[in-house]
C-alpha atoms as a PDB file:
ATOM      1  CA  MET A   1       1.830-112.370 -23.349  1.00  0.00           C
ATOM      2  CA  THR A   2       1.395-116.136 -23.630  1.00  0.00           C
ATOM      3  CA  LYS A   3       3.694-118.588 -21.916  1.00  0.00           C
ATOM      4  CA  GLU A   4       6.240-120.327 -24.122  1.00  0.00           C
ATOM      5  CA  THR A   5       5.530-124.046 -24.579  1.00  0.00           C
ATOM      6  CA  ILE A   6       8.187-126.725 -24.505  1.00  0.00           C
ATOM      7  CA  MET A   7       7.810-127.201 -28.264  1.00  0.00           C
ATOM      8  CA  ASP A   8       8.553-123.504 -28.785  1.00  0.00           C
ATOM      9  CA  LYS A   9      11.688-123.893 -26.686  1.00  0.00           C
ATOM     10  CA  ILE A  10      12.789-126.921 -28.709  1.00  0.00           C
ATOM     11  CA  ILE A  11      12.191-125.082 -31.987  1.00  0.00           C
ATOM     12  CA  LYS A  12      14.107-122.047 -30.776  1.00  0.00           C
ATOM     13  CA  ARG A  13      16.985-124.226 -29.586  1.00  0.00           C
ATOM     14  CA  PHE A  14      17.169-126.240 -32.829  1.00  0.00           C
ATOM     15  CA  TYR A  15      17.067-123.217 -35.131  1.00  0.00           C
ATOM     16  CA  GLY A  16      19.274-121.043 -32.895  1.00  0.00           C
ATOM     17  CA  ILE A  17      16.701-118.341 -32.231  1.00  0.00           C
ATOM     18  CA  SER A  18      17.383-116.325 -29.104  1.00  0.00           C
ATOM     19  CA  GLY A  19      14.659-113.710 -29.271  1.00  0.00           C
ATOM     20  CA  PRO A  20      10.909-114.155 -29.129  1.00  0.00           C
ATOM     21  CA  LEU A  21       9.252-116.587 -31.537  1.00  0.00           C
ATOM     22  CA  ASP A  22       6.871-114.207 -33.305  1.00  0.00           C
ATOM     23  CA  GLU A  23       4.479-114.989 -36.157  1.00  0.00           C
ATOM     24  CA  TYR A  24       6.957-114.106 -38.914  1.00  0.00           C
ATOM     25  CA  ARG A  25       9.674-116.364 -37.500  1.00  0.00           C
ATOM     26  CA  ARG A  26       7.200-119.168 -36.882  1.00  0.00           C
ATOM     27  CA  ALA A  27       5.892-118.970 -40.475  1.00  0.00           C
ATOM     28  CA  GLU A  28       9.401-119.002 -41.938  1.00  0.00           C
ATOM     29  CA  ILE A  29      10.477-121.897 -39.710  1.00  0.00           C
ATOM     30  CA  ASN A  30       7.378-123.849 -40.728  1.00  0.00           C
ATOM     31  CA  GLN A  31       8.222-123.292 -44.396  1.00  0.00           C
ATOM     32  CA  ILE A  32      11.842-124.376 -43.878  1.00  0.00           C
ATOM     33  CA  GLY A  33      10.659-127.459 -41.966  1.00  0.00           C
ATOM     34  CA  ASN A  34       8.156-128.374 -44.689  1.00  0.00           C
ATOM     35  CA  ASN A  35      10.827-128.049 -47.382  1.00  0.00           C
ATOM     36  CA  CYS A  36      13.192-130.265 -45.381  1.00  0.00           C
ATOM     37  CA  PHE A  37      10.444-132.824 -44.853  1.00  0.00           C
ATOM     38  CA  MET A  38       9.714-133.045 -48.578  1.00  0.00           C
ATOM     39  CA  ILE A  39      13.423-133.361 -49.406  1.00  0.00           C
ATOM     40  CA  LEU A  40      13.861-136.097 -46.794  1.00  0.00           C
ATOM     41  CA  ILE A  41      10.810-138.054 -47.996  1.00  0.00           C
ATOM     42  CA  ILE A  42      12.110-138.083 -51.567  1.00  0.00           C
ATOM     43  CA  TYR A  43      15.584-139.067 -50.376  1.00  0.00           C
ATOM     44  CA  MET A  44      14.169-141.804 -48.150  1.00  0.00           C
ATOM     45  CA  PHE A  45      12.250-143.392 -51.026  1.00  0.00           C
ATOM     46  CA  LEU A  46      15.279-143.272 -53.341  1.00  0.00           C
ATOM     47  CA  SER A  47      17.751-144.610 -50.766  1.00  0.00           C
ATOM     48  CA  SER A  48      15.368-147.395 -49.693  1.00  0.00           C
ATOM     49  CA  PHE A  49      14.873-148.424 -53.313  1.00  0.00           C
ATOM     50  CA  ALA A  50      18.648-148.463 -53.883  1.00  0.00           C
ATOM     51  CA  ALA A  51      19.161-150.486 -50.700  1.00  0.00           C
ATOM     52  CA  LEU A  52      16.593-153.064 -51.841  1.00  0.00           C
ATOM     53  CA  ILE A  53      18.346-153.439 -55.163  1.00  0.00           C
ATOM     54  CA  PHE A  54      21.869-153.850 -53.750  1.00  0.00           C
ATOM     55  CA  TYR A  55      21.048-155.711 -50.532  1.00  0.00           C
ATOM     56  CA  THR A  56      20.810-159.211 -52.015  1.00  0.00           C
ATOM     57  CA  ARG A  57      24.215-158.968 -53.664  1.00  0.00           C
ATOM     58  CA  PHE A  58      26.205-156.858 -51.137  1.00  0.00           C
ATOM     59  CA  PRO A  59      24.368-156.967 -47.788  1.00  0.00           C
ATOM     60  CA  GLU A  60      27.095-155.676 -45.484  1.00  0.00           C
ATOM     61  CA  ALA A  61      28.379-153.014 -47.874  1.00  0.00           C
ATOM     62  CA  THR A  62      24.810-151.840 -48.510  1.00  0.00           C
ATOM     63  CA  PHE A  63      24.169-151.517 -44.795  1.00  0.00           C
ATOM     64  CA  PHE A  64      27.244-149.374 -44.145  1.00  0.00           C
ATOM     65  CA  ALA A  65      26.793-147.348 -47.319  1.00  0.00           C
ATOM     66  CA  LEU A  66      23.187-146.598 -46.383  1.00  0.00           C
ATOM     67  CA  ILE A  67      24.152-145.481 -42.877  1.00  0.00           C
ATOM     68  CA  PHE A  68      26.956-143.204 -44.073  1.00  0.00           C
ATOM     69  CA  MET A  69      24.905-141.805 -46.955  1.00  0.00           C
ATOM     70  CA  ASN A  70      21.994-141.057 -44.623  1.00  0.00           C
ATOM     71  CA  LEU A  71      24.260-139.309 -42.108  1.00  0.00           C
ATOM     72  CA  GLY A  72      26.036-137.396 -44.855  1.00  0.00           C
ATOM     73  CA  PHE A  73      22.812-136.299 -46.501  1.00  0.00           C
ATOM     74  CA  LEU A  74      21.335-135.241 -43.185  1.00  0.00           C
ATOM     75  CA  LEU A  75      24.419-133.373 -41.970  1.00  0.00           C
ATOM     76  CA  TYR A  76      25.652-131.842 -45.214  1.00  0.00           C
ATOM     77  CA  GLY A  77      22.401-131.542 -47.081  1.00  0.00           C
ATOM     78  CA  VAL A  78      19.495-130.842 -44.802  1.00  0.00           C
ATOM     79  CA  PHE A  79      21.303-129.149 -41.909  1.00  0.00           C
ATOM     80  CA  MET A  80      23.308-126.918 -44.272  1.00  0.00           C
ATOM     81  CA  TYR A  81      20.070-125.942 -45.996  1.00  0.00           C
ATOM     82  CA  ILE A  82      18.561-125.047 -42.626  1.00  0.00           C
ATOM     83  CA  LEU A  83      21.628-123.008 -41.619  1.00  0.00           C
ATOM     84  CA  PHE A  84      21.671-121.186 -44.954  1.00  0.00           C
ATOM     85  CA  LYS A  85      17.961-120.329 -44.927  1.00  0.00           C
ATOM     86  CA  VAL A  86      17.905-119.256 -41.267  1.00  0.00           C
ATOM     87  CA  ALA A  87      20.913-116.980 -41.830  1.00  0.00           C
ATOM     88  CA  LYS A  88      19.494-115.603 -45.087  1.00  0.00           C
ATOM     89  CA  LEU A  89      16.176-114.708 -43.429  1.00  0.00           C
ATOM     90  CA  ASN A  90      17.937-113.205 -40.351  1.00  0.00           C
ATOM     91  CA  LEU A  91      15.893-115.348 -37.990  1.00  0.00           C
ATOM     92  CA  THR A  92      18.701-115.652 -35.459  1.00  0.00           C
ATOM     93  CA  GLU A  93      19.205-111.931 -34.899  1.00  0.00           C
ATOM     94  CA  ASN A  94      18.209-110.877 -31.407  1.00  0.00           C
ATOM     95  CA  GLU A  95      17.012-107.257 -31.368  1.00  0.00           C
ATOM     96  CA  VAL A  96      17.254-105.942 -27.828  1.00  0.00           C
ATOM     97  CA  PRO A  97      16.325-102.487 -26.502  1.00  0.00           C
ATOM     98  CA  ALA A  98      19.339-100.399 -25.504  1.00  0.00           C
ATOM     99  CA  ASP A  99      18.528-100.625 -21.791  1.00  0.00           C
ATOM    100  CA  LYS A 100      18.494-104.453 -21.858  1.00  0.00           C
ATOM    101  CA  ILE A 101      21.774-105.045 -23.704  1.00  0.00           C
ATOM    102  CA  LYS A 102      23.551-105.971 -20.473  1.00  0.00           C
ATOM    103  CA  ASP A 103      20.937-108.628 -19.665  1.00  0.00           C
ATOM    104  CA  ALA A 104      21.164-110.014 -23.208  1.00  0.00           C
ATOM    105  CA  LYS A 105      24.950-110.292 -22.918  1.00  0.00           C
ATOM    106  CA  ARG A 106      24.571-112.057 -19.583  1.00  0.00           C
ATOM    107  CA  GLN A 107      22.080-114.466 -21.142  1.00  0.00           C
ATOM    108  CA  ALA A 108      24.529-115.070 -24.026  1.00  0.00           C
ATOM    109  CA  ALA A 109      27.219-115.954 -21.477  1.00  0.00           C
ATOM    110  CA  ARG A 110      24.799-118.362 -19.781  1.00  0.00           C
ATOM    111  CA  ARG A 111      23.967-120.004 -23.109  1.00  0.00           C
ATOM    112  CA  GLY A 112      27.670-120.374 -23.925  1.00  0.00           C
ATOM    113  CA  LEU A 113      28.358-121.869 -20.492  1.00  0.00           C
ATOM    114  CA  LEU A 114      25.482-124.314 -20.883  1.00  0.00           C
ATOM    115  CA  ALA A 115      26.643-125.312 -24.377  1.00  0.00           C
ATOM    116  CA  GLY A 116      30.194-125.706 -23.057  1.00  0.00           C
ATOM    117  CA  PHE A 117      28.883-128.117 -20.439  1.00  0.00           C
ATOM    118  CA  GLU A 118      26.459-130.049 -22.673  1.00  0.00           C
ATOM    119  CA  PHE A 119      28.893-130.691 -25.513  1.00  0.00           C
ATOM    120  CA  PRO A 120      31.614-132.649 -23.653  1.00  0.00           C
ATOM    121  CA  VAL A 121      29.085-134.571 -21.562  1.00  0.00           C
ATOM    122  CA  LEU A 122      27.185-135.727 -24.659  1.00  0.00           C
ATOM    123  CA  MET A 123      30.372-136.506 -26.577  1.00  0.00           C
ATOM    124  CA  TYR A 124      31.808-138.414 -23.623  1.00  0.00           C
ATOM    125  CA  GLY A 125      28.582-140.415 -23.339  1.00  0.00           C
ATOM    126  CA  PHE A 126      28.640-141.109 -27.074  1.00  0.00           C
ATOM    127  CA  THR A 127      32.233-142.337 -26.795  1.00  0.00           C
ATOM    128  CA  VAL A 128      31.331-144.630 -23.912  1.00  0.00           C
ATOM    129  CA  LEU A 129      28.395-146.102 -25.824  1.00  0.00           C
ATOM    130  CA  THR A 130      30.384-146.662 -29.010  1.00  0.00           C
ATOM    131  CA  SER A 131      33.303-148.309 -27.222  1.00  0.00           C
ATOM    132  CA  TRP A 132      31.016-150.601 -25.206  1.00  0.00           C
ATOM    133  CA  GLY A 133      31.240-153.523 -27.647  1.00  0.00           C
ATOM    134  CA  MET A 134      35.018-153.429 -28.093  1.00  0.00           C
ATOM    135  CA  LYS A 135      37.067-156.416 -26.986  1.00  0.00           C
ATOM    136  CA  GLU A 136      39.703-154.494 -25.034  1.00  0.00           C
ATOM    137  CA  PRO A 137      38.952-153.340 -21.473  1.00  0.00           C
ATOM    138  CA  ILE A 138      36.653-150.358 -21.463  1.00  0.00           C
ATOM    139  CA  LEU A 139      37.140-148.915 -17.952  1.00  0.00           C
ATOM    140  CA  PRO A 140      40.748-147.731 -18.338  1.00  0.00           C
ATOM    141  CA  GLU A 141      39.845-146.069 -21.628  1.00  0.00           C
ATOM    142  CA  ILE A 142      36.752-144.333 -20.225  1.00  0.00           C
ATOM    143  CA  PHE A 143      38.412-142.986 -17.088  1.00  0.00           C
ATOM    144  CA  SER A 144      41.750-142.020 -18.623  1.00  0.00           C
ATOM    145  CA  LEU A 145      42.916-138.581 -17.578  1.00  0.00           C
ATOM    146  CA  LYS A 146      43.971-137.818 -21.136  1.00  0.00           C
ATOM    147  CA  ARG A 147      40.469-138.419 -22.496  1.00  0.00           C
ATOM    148  CA  ILE A 148      38.774-136.423 -19.731  1.00  0.00           C
ATOM    149  CA  ALA A 149      41.182-133.502 -20.238  1.00  0.00           C
ATOM    150  CA  PHE A 150      40.471-133.596 -23.965  1.00  0.00           C
ATOM    151  CA  TYR A 151      36.721-133.326 -23.399  1.00  0.00           C
ATOM    152  CA  VAL A 152      37.119-130.540 -20.825  1.00  0.00           C
ATOM    153  CA  ILE A 153      39.264-128.501 -23.238  1.00  0.00           C
ATOM    154  CA  ALA A 154      36.832-129.206 -26.093  1.00  0.00           C
ATOM    155  CA  GLY A 155      33.935-128.095 -23.888  1.00  0.00           C
ATOM    156  CA  VAL A 156      35.661-124.846 -22.934  1.00  0.00           C
ATOM    157  CA  LEU A 157      36.471-124.049 -26.575  1.00  0.00           C
ATOM    158  CA  PHE A 158      32.964-124.930 -27.711  1.00  0.00           C
ATOM    159  CA  GLY A 159      31.415-122.846 -24.940  1.00  0.00           C
ATOM    160  CA  VAL A 160      33.539-119.819 -25.825  1.00  0.00           C
ATOM    161  CA  MET A 161      32.625-120.160 -29.504  1.00  0.00           C
ATOM    162  CA  MET A 162      28.910-120.417 -28.698  1.00  0.00           C
ATOM    163  CA  TRP A 163      29.176-117.391 -26.397  1.00  0.00           C
ATOM    164  CA  LEU A 164      30.833-115.367 -29.172  1.00  0.00           C
ATOM    165  CA  ILE A 165      28.181-116.446 -31.671  1.00  0.00           C
ATOM    166  CA  CYS A 166      25.399-115.439 -29.266  1.00  0.00           C
ATOM    167  CA  LEU A 167      27.102-112.074 -28.686  1.00  0.00           C
ATOM    168  CA  ALA A 168      27.397-111.478 -32.428  1.00  0.00           C
ATOM    169  CA  ARG A 169      23.660-112.038 -32.887  1.00  0.00           C
ATOM    170  CA  ILE A 170      22.691-109.315 -30.407  1.00  0.00           C
ATOM    171  CA  THR A 171      21.717-106.024 -32.061  1.00  0.00           C
ATOM    172  CA  LYS A 172      20.242-102.835 -30.656  1.00  0.00           C
ATOM    173  CA  ALA A 173      16.587-102.310 -31.459  1.00  0.00           C
ATOM    174  CA  LYS A 174      15.718 -99.168 -33.369  1.00  0.00           C
END
């Protein structure tokens, strides 16, 4: 058995694969990635051309429209395509032998706990970075108990949801 590289771990994390990354899953992920790349290249050429056309007349509106269109296309177009294809091909199912179900459930709890910790920390950091350029004082807003409590509750809810999703993906091997 070969050792898993860091790129394999990143791929598994991005696509939500909890089991081993075998040849079938790797081939399907490569095909999904290639399709997304081709879609993004076409979109990039079209959006850049549109931005060049509208930039001279509406520079600020073109800038914001391009940012929001890019984010929208990435989130609602490409990522939804990836979610749909991965679910359709059953790449996220984790087949576990009957004697290792307990370990798989423990690993699912660990993944949920980790996700519940990562989410609020990243969102809190994102909030700090985005409010950095504001004119009002930043320190009272960053260290407010209300904001910290919100992120802790959001992290707990997100962690529980990720734990339940990981549990739902575990199936007994035949």
